[in-house]
């Protein structure tokens, strides 16, 4: 078995996270473990689509599933996933703050041309 370079493994991780439904599932599971019916109620997606996304997240090891009778309850596999989501939020906040500052500067320049 050949080993994959770390940068390729990271790229695969980001591809895995590259769908809004998967991100939303992970965000919801940060709050608490949830049965599929609650995830469906919170996310506007067809049941088959949600099932496919949950399967990808489960195979990757980001979420775990526990059966409780006929109900399947999903939860985050560990705190590292929540840490990653918090880091993404922080990075986005920094990026958007920079864009807001640039927009403000452009608008000021537009009203006060030199």
PDB file of N, CA and C in Angstrom:
ATOM      1  N   UNK A   1       0.847  -1.180   0.000  1.00  0.00           N
ATOM      2  CA  UNK A   1       0.000   0.000   0.000  1.00  0.00           C
ATOM      3  C   UNK A   1       0.898   1.251   0.000  1.00  0.00           C
ATOM      4  N   UNK A   2       0.642   2.156  -0.916  1.00  0.00           N
ATOM      5  CA  UNK A   2       1.445   3.371  -0.986  1.00  0.00           C
ATOM      6  C   UNK A   2       0.848   4.432  -0.073  1.00  0.00           C
ATOM      7  N   UNK A   3       1.731   5.199   0.539  1.00  0.00           N
ATOM      8  CA  UNK A   3       1.225   6.250   1.413  1.00  0.00           C
ATOM      9  C   UNK A   3       0.905   7.485   0.571  1.00  0.00           C
ATOM     10  N   UNK A   4      -0.065   8.225   1.040  1.00  0.00           N
ATOM     11  CA  UNK A   4      -0.511   9.437   0.356  1.00  0.00           C
ATOM     12  C   UNK A   4       0.192  10.620   1.005  1.00  0.00           C
ATOM     13  N   UNK A   5       0.704  11.551   0.192  1.00  0.00           N
ATOM     14  CA  UNK A   5       1.312  12.744   0.793  1.00  0.00           C
ATOM     15  C   UNK A   5       0.288  13.486   1.650  1.00  0.00           C
ATOM     16  N   UNK A   6       0.776  14.120   2.693  1.00  0.00           N
ATOM     17  CA  UNK A   6      -0.106  14.818   3.623  1.00  0.00           C
ATOM     18  C   UNK A   6      -0.973  15.857   2.923  1.00  0.00           C
ATOM     19  N   UNK A   7      -0.413  16.587   1.961  1.00  0.00           N
ATOM     20  CA  UNK A   7      -1.209  17.621   1.279  1.00  0.00           C
ATOM     21  C   UNK A   7      -2.371  17.006   0.498  1.00  0.00           C
ATOM     22  N   UNK A   8      -2.173  15.790  -0.035  1.00  0.00           N
ATOM     23  CA  UNK A   8      -3.272  15.119  -0.733  1.00  0.00           C
ATOM     24  C   UNK A   8      -4.333  14.644   0.250  1.00  0.00           C
ATOM     25  N   UNK A   9      -3.908  14.151   1.400  1.00  0.00           N
ATOM     26  CA  UNK A   9      -4.854  13.720   2.433  1.00  0.00           C
ATOM     27  C   UNK A   9      -5.679  14.908   2.923  1.00  0.00           C
ATOM     28  N   UNK A  10      -5.029  16.061   3.085  1.00  0.00           N
ATOM     29  CA  UNK A  10      -5.753  17.270   3.503  1.00  0.00           C
ATOM     30  C   UNK A  10      -6.744  17.693   2.430  1.00  0.00           C
ATOM     31  N   UNK A  11      -6.329  17.633   1.170  1.00  0.00           N
ATOM     32  CA  UNK A  11      -7.230  17.995   0.070  1.00  0.00           C
ATOM     33  C   UNK A  11      -8.453  17.082   0.062  1.00  0.00           C
ATOM     34  N   UNK A  12      -8.247  15.803   0.326  1.00  0.00           N
ATOM     35  CA  UNK A  12      -9.368  14.861   0.380  1.00  0.00           C
ATOM     36  C   UNK A  12     -10.311  15.207   1.535  1.00  0.00           C
ATOM     37  N   UNK A  13      -9.759  15.599   2.671  1.00  0.00           N
ATOM     38  CA  UNK A  13     -10.579  16.023   3.804  1.00  0.00           C
ATOM     39  C   UNK A  13     -11.445  17.216   3.418  1.00  0.00           C
ATOM     40  N   UNK A  14     -10.855  18.188   2.751  1.00  0.00           N
ATOM     41  CA  UNK A  14     -11.625  19.371   2.367  1.00  0.00           C
ATOM     42  C   UNK A  14     -12.648  19.045   1.274  1.00  0.00           C
ATOM     43  N   UNK A  15     -12.348  18.087   0.413  1.00  0.00           N
ATOM     44  CA  UNK A  15     -13.356  17.637  -0.569  1.00  0.00           C
ATOM     45  C   UNK A  15     -14.538  17.006   0.165  1.00  0.00           C
ATOM     46  N   UNK A  16     -14.223  16.207   1.170  1.00  0.00           N
ATOM     47  CA  UNK A  16     -15.263  15.571   1.975  1.00  0.00           C
ATOM     48  C   UNK A  16     -16.174  16.630   2.603  1.00  0.00           C
ATOM     49  N   UNK A  17     -15.578  17.707   3.067  1.00  0.00           N
ATOM     50  CA  UNK A  17     -16.335  18.777   3.721  1.00  0.00           C
ATOM     51  C   UNK A  17     -16.924  19.771   2.727  1.00  0.00           C
ATOM     52  N   UNK A  18     -16.711  19.541   1.443  1.00  0.00           N
ATOM     53  CA  UNK A  18     -17.076  20.503   0.423  1.00  0.00           C
ATOM     54  C   UNK A  18     -18.538  20.535   0.018  1.00  0.00           C
ATOM     55  N   UNK A  19     -19.424  20.021   0.843  1.00  0.00           N
ATOM     56  CA  UNK A  19     -20.855  20.076   0.514  1.00  0.00           C
ATOM     57  C   UNK A  19     -21.612  20.738   1.665  1.00  0.00           C
ATOM     58  N   UNK A  20     -22.466  21.704   1.345  1.00  0.00           N
ATOM     59  CA  UNK A  20     -23.198  22.427   2.399  1.00  0.00           C
ATOM     60  C   UNK A  20     -24.026  21.528   3.319  1.00  0.00           C
ATOM     61  N   UNK A  21     -24.603  20.467   2.787  1.00  0.00           N
ATOM     62  CA  UNK A  21     -25.410  19.573   3.635  1.00  0.00           C
ATOM     63  C   UNK A  21     -24.527  18.908   4.687  1.00  0.00           C
ATOM     64  N   UNK A  22     -23.333  18.485   4.301  1.00  0.00           N
ATOM     65  CA  UNK A  22     -22.444  17.836   5.259  1.00  0.00           C
ATOM     66  C   UNK A  22     -22.010  18.809   6.349  1.00  0.00           C
ATOM     67  N   UNK A  23     -21.695  20.027   5.953  1.00  0.00           N
ATOM     68  CA  UNK A  23     -21.321  21.045   6.947  1.00  0.00           C
ATOM     69  C   UNK A  23     -22.480  21.298   7.892  1.00  0.00           C
ATOM     70  N   UNK A  24     -23.684  21.409   7.351  1.00  0.00           N
ATOM     71  CA  UNK A  24     -24.863  21.673   8.196  1.00  0.00           C
ATOM     72  C   UNK A  24     -25.105  20.520   9.170  1.00  0.00           C
ATOM     73  N   UNK A  25     -24.954  19.293   8.707  1.00  0.00           N
ATOM     74  CA  UNK A  25     -25.107  18.133   9.588  1.00  0.00           C
ATOM     75  C   UNK A  25     -24.111  18.220  10.731  1.00  0.00           C
ATOM     76  N   UNK A  26     -22.858  18.504  10.411  1.00  0.00           N
ATOM     77  CA  UNK A  26     -21.830  18.588  11.452  1.00  0.00           C
ATOM     78  C   UNK A  26     -22.132  19.716  12.432  1.00  0.00           C
ATOM     79  N   UNK A  27     -22.612  20.853  11.917  1.00  0.00           N
ATOM     80  CA  UNK A  27     -22.960  21.968  12.813  1.00  0.00           C
ATOM     81  C   UNK A  27     -24.079  21.568  13.765  1.00  0.00           C
ATOM     82  N   UNK A  28     -25.090  20.907  13.236  1.00  0.00           N
ATOM     83  CA  UNK A  28     -26.211  20.482  14.084  1.00  0.00           C
ATOM     84  C   UNK A  28     -25.757  19.474  15.132  1.00  0.00           C
ATOM     85  N   UNK A  29     -24.885  18.572  14.740  1.00  0.00           N
ATOM     86  CA  UNK A  29     -24.425  17.547  15.681  1.00  0.00           C
ATOM     87  C   UNK A  29     -23.480  18.112  16.733  1.00  0.00           C
ATOM     88  N   UNK A  30     -22.952  19.313  16.492  1.00  0.00           N
ATOM     89  CA  UNK A  30     -22.156  19.983  17.529  1.00  0.00           C
ATOM     90  C   UNK A  30     -23.020  20.267  18.747  1.00  0.00           C
ATOM     91  N   UNK A  31     -24.288  20.574  18.500  1.00  0.00           N
ATOM     92  CA  UNK A  31     -25.207  20.927  19.582  1.00  0.00           C
ATOM     93  C   UNK A  31     -25.560  19.714  20.435  1.00  0.00           C
ATOM     94  N   UNK A  32     -25.828  18.584  19.760  1.00  0.00           N
ATOM     95  CA  UNK A  32     -26.224  17.359  20.459  1.00  0.00           C
ATOM     96  C   UNK A  32     -26.366  16.236  19.452  1.00  0.00           C
ATOM     97  N   UNK A  33     -26.285  14.985  19.906  1.00  0.00           N
ATOM     98  CA  UNK A  33     -26.603  13.871  19.002  1.00  0.00           C
ATOM     99  C   UNK A  33     -28.054  14.006  18.533  1.00  0.00           C
ATOM    100  N   UNK A  34     -28.306  13.610  17.291  1.00  0.00           N
ATOM    101  CA  UNK A  34     -29.649  13.783  16.738  1.00  0.00           C
ATOM    102  C   UNK A  34     -30.075  12.564  15.938  1.00  0.00           C
ATOM    103  N   UNK A  35     -31.364  12.212  16.042  1.00  0.00           N
ATOM    104  CA  UNK A  35     -31.894  11.168  15.174  1.00  0.00           C
ATOM    105  C   UNK A  35     -32.071  11.718  13.755  1.00  0.00           C
ATOM    106  N   UNK A  36     -32.137  10.832  12.810  1.00  0.00           N
ATOM    107  CA  UNK A  36     -32.270  11.227  11.407  1.00  0.00           C
ATOM    108  C   UNK A  36     -33.488  12.123  11.200  1.00  0.00           C
ATOM    109  N   UNK A  37     -34.599  11.817  11.848  1.00  0.00           N
ATOM    110  CA  UNK A  37     -35.819  12.612  11.646  1.00  0.00           C
ATOM    111  C   UNK A  37     -35.602  14.080  12.036  1.00  0.00           C
ATOM    112  N   UNK A  38     -34.806  14.330  13.098  1.00  0.00           N
ATOM    113  CA  UNK A  38     -34.524  15.710  13.500  1.00  0.00           C
ATOM    114  C   UNK A  38     -33.597  16.394  12.502  1.00  0.00           C
ATOM    115  N   UNK A  39     -32.634  15.643  11.970  1.00  0.00           N
ATOM    116  CA  UNK A  39     -31.751  16.210  10.944  1.00  0.00           C
ATOM    117  C   UNK A  39     -32.555  16.572   9.699  1.00  0.00           C
ATOM    118  N   UNK A  40     -33.480  15.700   9.315  1.00  0.00           N
ATOM    119  CA  UNK A  40     -34.326  15.977   8.154  1.00  0.00           C
ATOM    120  C   UNK A  40     -35.187  17.224   8.374  1.00  0.00           C
ATOM    121  N   UNK A  41     -35.698  17.385   9.583  1.00  0.00           N
ATOM    122  CA  UNK A  41     -36.531  18.551   9.890  1.00  0.00           C
ATOM    123  C   UNK A  41     -35.721  19.845   9.842  1.00  0.00           C
ATOM    124  N   UNK A  42     -34.436  19.765  10.159  1.00  0.00           N
ATOM    125  CA  UNK A  42     -33.597  20.964  10.229  1.00  0.00           C
ATOM    126  C   UNK A  42     -32.935  21.318   8.895  1.00  0.00           C
ATOM    127  N   UNK A  43     -32.834  20.347   8.003  1.00  0.00           N
ATOM    128  CA  UNK A  43     -32.136  20.549   6.729  1.00  0.00           C
ATOM    129  C   UNK A  43     -33.104  20.266   5.592  1.00  0.00           C
ATOM    130  N   UNK A  44     -33.182  21.172   4.654  1.00  0.00           N
ATOM    131  CA  UNK A  44     -34.072  20.977   3.509  1.00  0.00           C
ATOM    132  C   UNK A  44     -33.375  20.107   2.470  1.00  0.00           C
ATOM    133  N   UNK A  45     -33.542  18.801   2.640  1.00  0.00           N
ATOM    134  CA  UNK A  45     -32.935  17.840   1.728  1.00  0.00           C
ATOM    135  C   UNK A  45     -33.815  16.591   1.719  1.00  0.00           C
ATOM    136  N   UNK A  46     -33.803  15.891   0.607  1.00  0.00           N
ATOM    137  CA  UNK A  46     -34.564  14.645   0.503  1.00  0.00           C
ATOM    138  C   UNK A  46     -33.940  13.593   1.430  1.00  0.00           C
ATOM    139  N   UNK A  47     -34.755  12.693   1.967  1.00  0.00           N
ATOM    140  CA  UNK A  47     -34.220  11.654   2.844  1.00  0.00           C
ATOM    141  C   UNK A  47     -33.085  10.840   2.209  1.00  0.00           C
ATOM    142  N   UNK A  48     -33.207  10.515   0.921  1.00  0.00           N
ATOM    143  CA  UNK A  48     -32.147   9.735   0.273  1.00  0.00           C
ATOM    144  C   UNK A  48     -30.856  10.544   0.181  1.00  0.00           C
ATOM    145  N   UNK A  49     -30.962  11.845  -0.066  1.00  0.00           N
ATOM    146  CA  UNK A  49     -29.777  12.710  -0.119  1.00  0.00           C
ATOM    147  C   UNK A  49     -29.100  12.791   1.235  1.00  0.00           C
ATOM    148  N   UNK A  50     -29.900  12.973   2.290  1.00  0.00           N
ATOM    149  CA  UNK A  50     -29.333  13.032   3.636  1.00  0.00           C
ATOM    150  C   UNK A  50     -28.658  11.708   3.982  1.00  0.00           C
ATOM    151  N   UNK A  51     -29.295  10.620   3.618  1.00  0.00           N
ATOM    152  CA  UNK A  51     -28.732   9.304   3.891  1.00  0.00           C
ATOM    153  C   UNK A  51     -27.361   9.148   3.226  1.00  0.00           C
ATOM    154  N   UNK A  52     -27.223   9.626   1.993  1.00  0.00           N
ATOM    155  CA  UNK A  52     -25.938   9.536   1.290  1.00  0.00           C
ATOM    156  C   UNK A  52     -24.871  10.380   1.982  1.00  0.00           C
ATOM    157  N   UNK A  53     -25.239  11.590   2.393  1.00  0.00           N
ATOM    158  CA  UNK A  53     -24.279  12.463   3.073  1.00  0.00           C
ATOM    159  C   UNK A  53     -23.868  11.882   4.428  1.00  0.00           C
ATOM    160  N   UNK A  54     -24.829  11.316   5.149  1.00  0.00           N
ATOM    161  CA  UNK A  54     -24.509  10.690   6.436  1.00  0.00           C
ATOM    162  C   UNK A  54     -23.582   9.489   6.236  1.00  0.00           C
ATOM    163  N   UNK A  55     -23.801   8.753   5.164  1.00  0.00           N
ATOM    164  CA  UNK A  55     -22.937   7.596   4.885  1.00  0.00           C
ATOM    165  C   UNK A  55     -21.503   8.052   4.616  1.00  0.00           C
ATOM    166  N   UNK A  56     -21.335   9.141   3.871  1.00  0.00           N
ATOM    167  CA  UNK A  56     -19.992   9.670   3.598  1.00  0.00           C
ATOM    168  C   UNK A  56     -19.328  10.101   4.902  1.00  0.00           C
ATOM    169  N   UNK A  57     -20.067  10.809   5.736  1.00  0.00           N
ATOM    170  CA  UNK A  57     -19.517  11.283   7.012  1.00  0.00           C
ATOM    171  C   UNK A  57     -19.193  10.111   7.948  1.00  0.00           C
ATOM    172  N   UNK A  58     -20.019   9.093   7.902  1.00  0.00           N
ATOM    173  CA  UNK A  58     -19.790   7.912   8.749  1.00  0.00           C
ATOM    174  C   UNK A  58     -18.558   7.142   8.272  1.00  0.00           C
ATOM    175  N   UNK A  59     -18.446   6.935   6.958  1.00  0.00           N
ATOM    176  CA  UNK A  59     -17.278   6.218   6.411  1.00  0.00           C
ATOM    177  C   UNK A  59     -15.977   6.962   6.691  1.00  0.00           C
ATOM    178  N   UNK A  60     -16.048   8.291   6.712  1.00  0.00           N
ATOM    179  CA  UNK A  60     -14.844   9.090   6.958  1.00  0.00           C
ATOM    180  C   UNK A  60     -14.452   9.089   8.433  1.00  0.00           C
ATOM    181  N   UNK A  61     -15.375   8.667   9.291  1.00  0.00           N
ATOM    182  CA  UNK A  61     -15.100   8.653  10.716  1.00  0.00           C
ATOM    183  C   UNK A  61     -15.421   9.957  11.425  1.00  0.00           C
ATOM    184  N   UNK A  62     -16.112  10.872  10.743  1.00  0.00           N
ATOM    185  CA  UNK A  62     -16.457  12.155  11.367  1.00  0.00           C
ATOM    186  C   UNK A  62     -17.688  12.059  12.251  1.00  0.00           C
ATOM    187  N   UNK A  63     -18.585  11.141  11.920  1.00  0.00           N
ATOM    188  CA  UNK A  63     -19.772  10.926  12.746  1.00  0.00           C
ATOM    189  C   UNK A  63     -19.891   9.448  13.070  1.00  0.00           C
ATOM    190  N   UNK A  64     -20.613   9.184  14.125  1.00  0.00           N
ATOM    191  CA  UNK A  64     -20.936   7.808  14.487  1.00  0.00           C
ATOM    192  C   UNK A  64     -22.451   7.665  14.530  1.00  0.00           C
ATOM    193  N   UNK A  65     -22.922   6.445  14.372  1.00  0.00           N
ATOM    194  CA  UNK A  65     -24.356   6.169  14.396  1.00  0.00           C
ATOM    195  C   UNK A  65     -24.637   5.092  15.429  1.00  0.00           C
ATOM    196  N   UNK A  66     -25.665   5.321  16.222  1.00  0.00           N
ATOM    197  CA  UNK A  66     -26.116   4.345  17.220  1.00  0.00           C
ATOM    198  C   UNK A  66     -27.588   4.054  16.955  1.00  0.00           C
ATOM    199  N   UNK A  67     -27.916   2.797  16.950  1.00  0.00           N
ATOM    200  CA  UNK A  67     -29.318   2.420  16.757  1.00  0.00           C
ATOM    201  C   UNK A  67     -29.996   2.360  18.118  1.00  0.00           C
ATOM    202  N   UNK A  68     -31.169   3.005  18.196  1.00  0.00           N
ATOM    203  CA  UNK A  68     -31.993   2.971  19.403  1.00  0.00           C
ATOM    204  C   UNK A  68     -33.370   2.494  18.967  1.00  0.00           C
ATOM    205  N   UNK A  69     -33.569   1.186  18.971  1.00  0.00           N
ATOM    206  CA  UNK A  69     -34.800   0.616  18.422  1.00  0.00           C
ATOM    207  C   UNK A  69     -34.788   0.797  16.917  1.00  0.00           C
ATOM    208  N   UNK A  70     -35.821   1.446  16.392  1.00  0.00           N
ATOM    209  CA  UNK A  70     -35.874   1.690  14.948  1.00  0.00           C
ATOM    210  C   UNK A  70     -35.262   3.048  14.578  1.00  0.00           C
ATOM    211  N   UNK A  71     -34.797   3.777  15.573  1.00  0.00           N
ATOM    212  CA  UNK A  71     -34.231   5.113  15.352  1.00  0.00           C
ATOM    213  C   UNK A  71     -32.709   5.048  15.306  1.00  0.00           C
ATOM    214  N   UNK A  72     -32.126   5.754  14.332  1.00  0.00           N
ATOM    215  CA  UNK A  72     -30.674   5.866  14.257  1.00  0.00           C
ATOM    216  C   UNK A  72     -30.298   7.273  14.707  1.00  0.00           C
ATOM    217  N   UNK A  73     -29.430   7.349  15.711  1.00  0.00           N
ATOM    218  CA  UNK A  73     -29.001   8.630  16.271  1.00  0.00           C
ATOM    219  C   UNK A  73     -27.540   8.860  15.877  1.00  0.00           C
ATOM    220  N   UNK A  74     -27.283  10.021  15.301  1.00  0.00           N
ATOM    221  CA  UNK A  74     -25.933  10.380  14.864  1.00  0.00           C
ATOM    222  C   UNK A  74     -25.307  11.350  15.851  1.00  0.00           C
ATOM    223  N   UNK A  75     -23.982  11.264  15.977  1.00  0.00           N
ATOM    224  CA  UNK A  75     -23.238  12.199  16.819  1.00  0.00           C
ATOM    225  C   UNK A  75     -21.863  12.409  16.202  1.00  0.00           C
ATOM    226  N   UNK A  76     -21.215  13.504  16.613  1.00  0.00           N
ATOM    227  CA  UNK A  76     -19.850  13.753  16.163  1.00  0.00           C
ATOM    228  C   UNK A  76     -18.951  12.676  16.738  1.00  0.00           C
ATOM    229  N   UNK A  77     -17.965  12.270  15.963  1.00  0.00           N
ATOM    230  CA  UNK A  77     -17.061  11.209  16.403  1.00  0.00           C
ATOM    231  C   UNK A  77     -16.092  11.701  17.470  1.00  0.00           C
ATOM    232  N   UNK A  78     -15.846  13.000  17.512  1.00  0.00           N
ATOM    233  CA  UNK A  78     -14.917  13.526  18.512  1.00  0.00           C
ATOM    234  C   UNK A  78     -14.890  15.039  18.491  1.00  0.00           C
ATOM    235  N   UNK A  79     -14.201  15.597  19.469  1.00  0.00           N
ATOM    236  CA  UNK A  79     -14.125  17.047  19.602  1.00  0.00           C
ATOM    237  C   UNK A  79     -13.334  17.728  18.507  1.00  0.00           C
ATOM    238  N   UNK A  80     -12.473  16.965  17.824  1.00  0.00           N
ATOM    239  CA  UNK A  80     -11.668  17.586  16.769  1.00  0.00           C
ATOM    240  C   UNK A  80     -12.533  18.127  15.635  1.00  0.00           C
ATOM    241  N   UNK A  81     -13.650  17.458  15.349  1.00  0.00           N
ATOM    242  CA  UNK A  81     -14.545  17.925  14.294  1.00  0.00           C
ATOM    243  C   UNK A  81     -15.135  19.276  14.693  1.00  0.00           C
ATOM    244  N   UNK A  82     -15.567  19.401  15.932  1.00  0.00           N
ATOM    245  CA  UNK A  82     -16.105  20.674  16.425  1.00  0.00           C
ATOM    246  C   UNK A  82     -15.027  21.756  16.393  1.00  0.00           C
ATOM    247  N   UNK A  83     -13.785  21.390  16.742  1.00  0.00           N
ATOM    248  CA  UNK A  83     -12.676  22.348  16.681  1.00  0.00           C
ATOM    249  C   UNK A  83     -12.462  22.840  15.253  1.00  0.00           C
ATOM    250  N   UNK A  84     -12.549  21.927  14.288  1.00  0.00           N
ATOM    251  CA  UNK A  84     -12.375  22.296  12.887  1.00  0.00           C
ATOM    252  C   UNK A  84     -13.466  23.275  12.445  1.00  0.00           C
ATOM    253  N   UNK A  85     -14.700  23.031  12.851  1.00  0.00           N
ATOM    254  CA  UNK A  85     -15.802  23.929  12.491  1.00  0.00           C
ATOM    255  C   UNK A  85     -15.620  25.304  13.120  1.00  0.00           C
ATOM    256  N   UNK A  86     -15.146  25.342  14.375  1.00  0.00           N
ATOM    257  CA  UNK A  86     -14.884  26.625  15.030  1.00  0.00           C
ATOM    258  C   UNK A  86     -13.754  27.371  14.325  1.00  0.00           C
ATOM    259  N   UNK A  87     -12.720  26.644  13.912  1.00  0.00           N
ATOM    260  CA  UNK A  87     -11.599  27.273  13.201  1.00  0.00           C
ATOM    261  C   UNK A  87     -12.075  27.841  11.869  1.00  0.00           C
ATOM    262  N   UNK A  88     -12.943  27.122  11.172  1.00  0.00           N
ATOM    263  CA  UNK A  88     -13.484  27.604   9.897  1.00  0.00           C
ATOM    264  C   UNK A  88     -14.298  28.874  10.107  1.00  0.00           C
ATOM    265  N   UNK A  89     -15.099  28.908  11.174  1.00  0.00           N
ATOM    266  CA  UNK A  89     -15.900  30.106  11.473  1.00  0.00           C
ATOM    267  C   UNK A  89     -14.993  31.301  11.767  1.00  0.00           C
ATOM    268  N   UNK A  90     -13.935  31.061  12.525  1.00  0.00           N
ATOM    269  CA  UNK A  90     -12.997  32.133  12.862  1.00  0.00           C
ATOM    270  C   UNK A  90     -12.302  32.652  11.605  1.00  0.00           C
ATOM    271  N   UNK A  91     -11.861  31.747  10.754  1.00  0.00           N
ATOM    272  CA  UNK A  91     -11.201  32.139   9.507  1.00  0.00           C
ATOM    273  C   UNK A  91     -12.146  32.939   8.616  1.00  0.00           C
ATOM    274  N   UNK A  92     -13.380  32.480   8.486  1.00  0.00           N
ATOM    275  CA  UNK A  92     -14.366  33.212   7.684  1.00  0.00           C
ATOM    276  C   UNK A  92     -14.624  34.602   8.247  1.00  0.00           C
ATOM    277  N   UNK A  93     -14.718  34.693   9.560  1.00  0.00           N
ATOM    278  CA  UNK A  93     -14.933  35.994  10.197  1.00  0.00           C
ATOM    279  C   UNK A  93     -13.792  36.943   9.864  1.00  0.00           C
ATOM    280  N   UNK A  94     -12.565  36.453   9.939  1.00  0.00           N
ATOM    281  CA  UNK A  94     -11.407  37.288   9.612  1.00  0.00           C
ATOM    282  C   UNK A  94     -11.425  37.701   8.146  1.00  0.00           C
ATOM    283  N   UNK A  95     -11.756  36.768   7.263  1.00  0.00           N
ATOM    284  CA  UNK A  95     -11.782  37.063   5.833  1.00  0.00           C
ATOM    285  C   UNK A  95     -12.857  38.099   5.513  1.00  0.00           C
ATOM    286  N   UNK A  96     -14.044  37.908   6.083  1.00  0.00           N
ATOM    287  CA  UNK A  96     -15.147  38.818   5.799  1.00  0.00           C
ATOM    288  C   UNK A  96     -14.913  40.192   6.411  1.00  0.00           C
ATOM    289  N   UNK A  97     -14.258  40.233   7.562  1.00  0.00           N
ATOM    290  CA  UNK A  97     -13.918  41.517   8.174  1.00  0.00           C
ATOM    291  C   UNK A  97     -12.988  42.283   7.245  1.00  0.00           C
ATOM    292  N   UNK A  98     -12.001  41.596   6.691  1.00  0.00           N
ATOM    293  CA  UNK A  98     -11.085  42.239   5.753  1.00  0.00           C
ATOM    294  C   UNK A  98     -11.809  42.740   4.517  1.00  0.00           C
ATOM    295  N   UNK A  99     -12.762  41.966   4.013  1.00  0.00           N
ATOM    296  CA  UNK A  99     -13.537  42.388   2.845  1.00  0.00           C
ATOM    297  C   UNK A  99     -14.403  43.591   3.178  1.00  0.00           C
ATOM    298  N   UNK A 100     -14.983  43.603   4.369  1.00  0.00           N
ATOM    299  CA  UNK A 100     -15.821  44.718   4.787  1.00  0.00           C
ATOM    300  C   UNK A 100     -14.990  46.005   4.871  1.00  0.00           C
ATOM    301  N   UNK A 101     -13.784  45.864   5.426  1.00  0.00           N
ATOM    302  CA  UNK A 101     -12.908  47.030   5.533  1.00  0.00           C
ATOM    303  C   UNK A 101     -12.529  47.538   4.148  1.00  0.00           C
ATOM    304  N   UNK A 102     -12.247  46.634   3.207  1.00  0.00           N
ATOM    305  CA  UNK A 102     -11.913  47.028   1.843  1.00  0.00           C
ATOM    306  C   UNK A 102     -13.106  47.711   1.186  1.00  0.00           C
ATOM    307  N   UNK A 103     -14.309  47.179   1.378  1.00  0.00           N
ATOM    308  CA  UNK A 103     -15.512  47.783   0.808  1.00  0.00           C
ATOM    309  C   UNK A 103     -15.720  49.180   1.368  1.00  0.00           C
ATOM    310  N   UNK A 104     -15.543  49.351   2.670  1.00  0.00           N
ATOM    311  CA  UNK A 104     -15.693  50.670   3.289  1.00  0.00           C
ATOM    312  C   UNK A 104     -14.699  51.658   2.686  1.00  0.00           C
ATOM    313  N   UNK A 105     -13.484  51.212   2.495  1.00  0.00           N
ATOM    314  CA  UNK A 105     -12.450  52.074   1.908  1.00  0.00           C
ATOM    315  C   UNK A 105     -12.814  52.455   0.480  1.00  0.00           C
ATOM    316  N   UNK A 106     -13.312  51.499  -0.290  1.00  0.00           N
ATOM    317  CA  UNK A 106     -13.722  51.781  -1.671  1.00  0.00           C
ATOM    318  C   UNK A 106     -14.879  52.773  -1.714  1.00  0.00           C
ATOM    319  N   UNK A 107     -15.838  52.607  -0.816  1.00  0.00           N
ATOM    320  CA  UNK A 107     -16.981  53.521  -0.778  1.00  0.00           C
ATOM    321  C   UNK A 107     -16.553  54.927  -0.374  1.00  0.00           C
ATOM    322  N   UNK A 108     -15.623  55.031   0.574  1.00  0.00           N
ATOM    323  CA  UNK A 108     -15.105  56.345   0.969  1.00  0.00           C
ATOM    324  C   UNK A 108     -14.391  57.005  -0.210  1.00  0.00           C
ATOM    325  N   UNK A 109     -13.610  56.219  -0.927  1.00  0.00           N
ATOM    326  CA  UNK A 109     -12.876  56.749  -2.073  1.00  0.00           C
ATOM    327  C   UNK A 109     -13.823  57.206  -3.172  1.00  0.00           C
ATOM    328  N   UNK A 110     -14.938  56.510  -3.296  1.00  0.00           N
ATOM    329  CA  UNK A 110     -15.932  56.863  -4.320  1.00  0.00           C
ATOM    330  C   UNK A 110     -16.592  58.198  -3.994  1.00  0.00           C
ATOM    331  N   UNK A 111     -16.869  58.451  -2.719  1.00  0.00           N
ATOM    332  CA  UNK A 111     -17.522  59.698  -2.330  1.00  0.00           C
ATOM    333  C   UNK A 111     -16.541  60.854  -2.190  1.00  0.00           C
ATOM    334  N   UNK A 112     -15.249  60.540  -2.029  1.00  0.00           N
ATOM    335  CA  UNK A 112     -14.196  61.566  -1.907  1.00  0.00           C
ATOM    336  C   UNK A 112     -13.085  61.287  -2.904  1.00  0.00           C
ATOM    337  N   UNK A 113     -13.372  61.393  -4.215  1.00  0.00           N
ATOM    338  CA  UNK A 113     -12.307  61.097  -5.191  1.00  0.00           C
ATOM    339  C   UNK A 113     -11.160  62.090  -5.064  1.00  0.00           C
ATOM    340  N   UNK A 114      -9.960  61.608  -5.302  1.00  0.00           N
ATOM    341  CA  UNK A 114      -8.772  62.462  -5.179  1.00  0.00           C
ATOM    342  C   UNK A 114      -8.401  63.070  -6.477  1.00  0.00           C
TER     343      UNK A 114
END
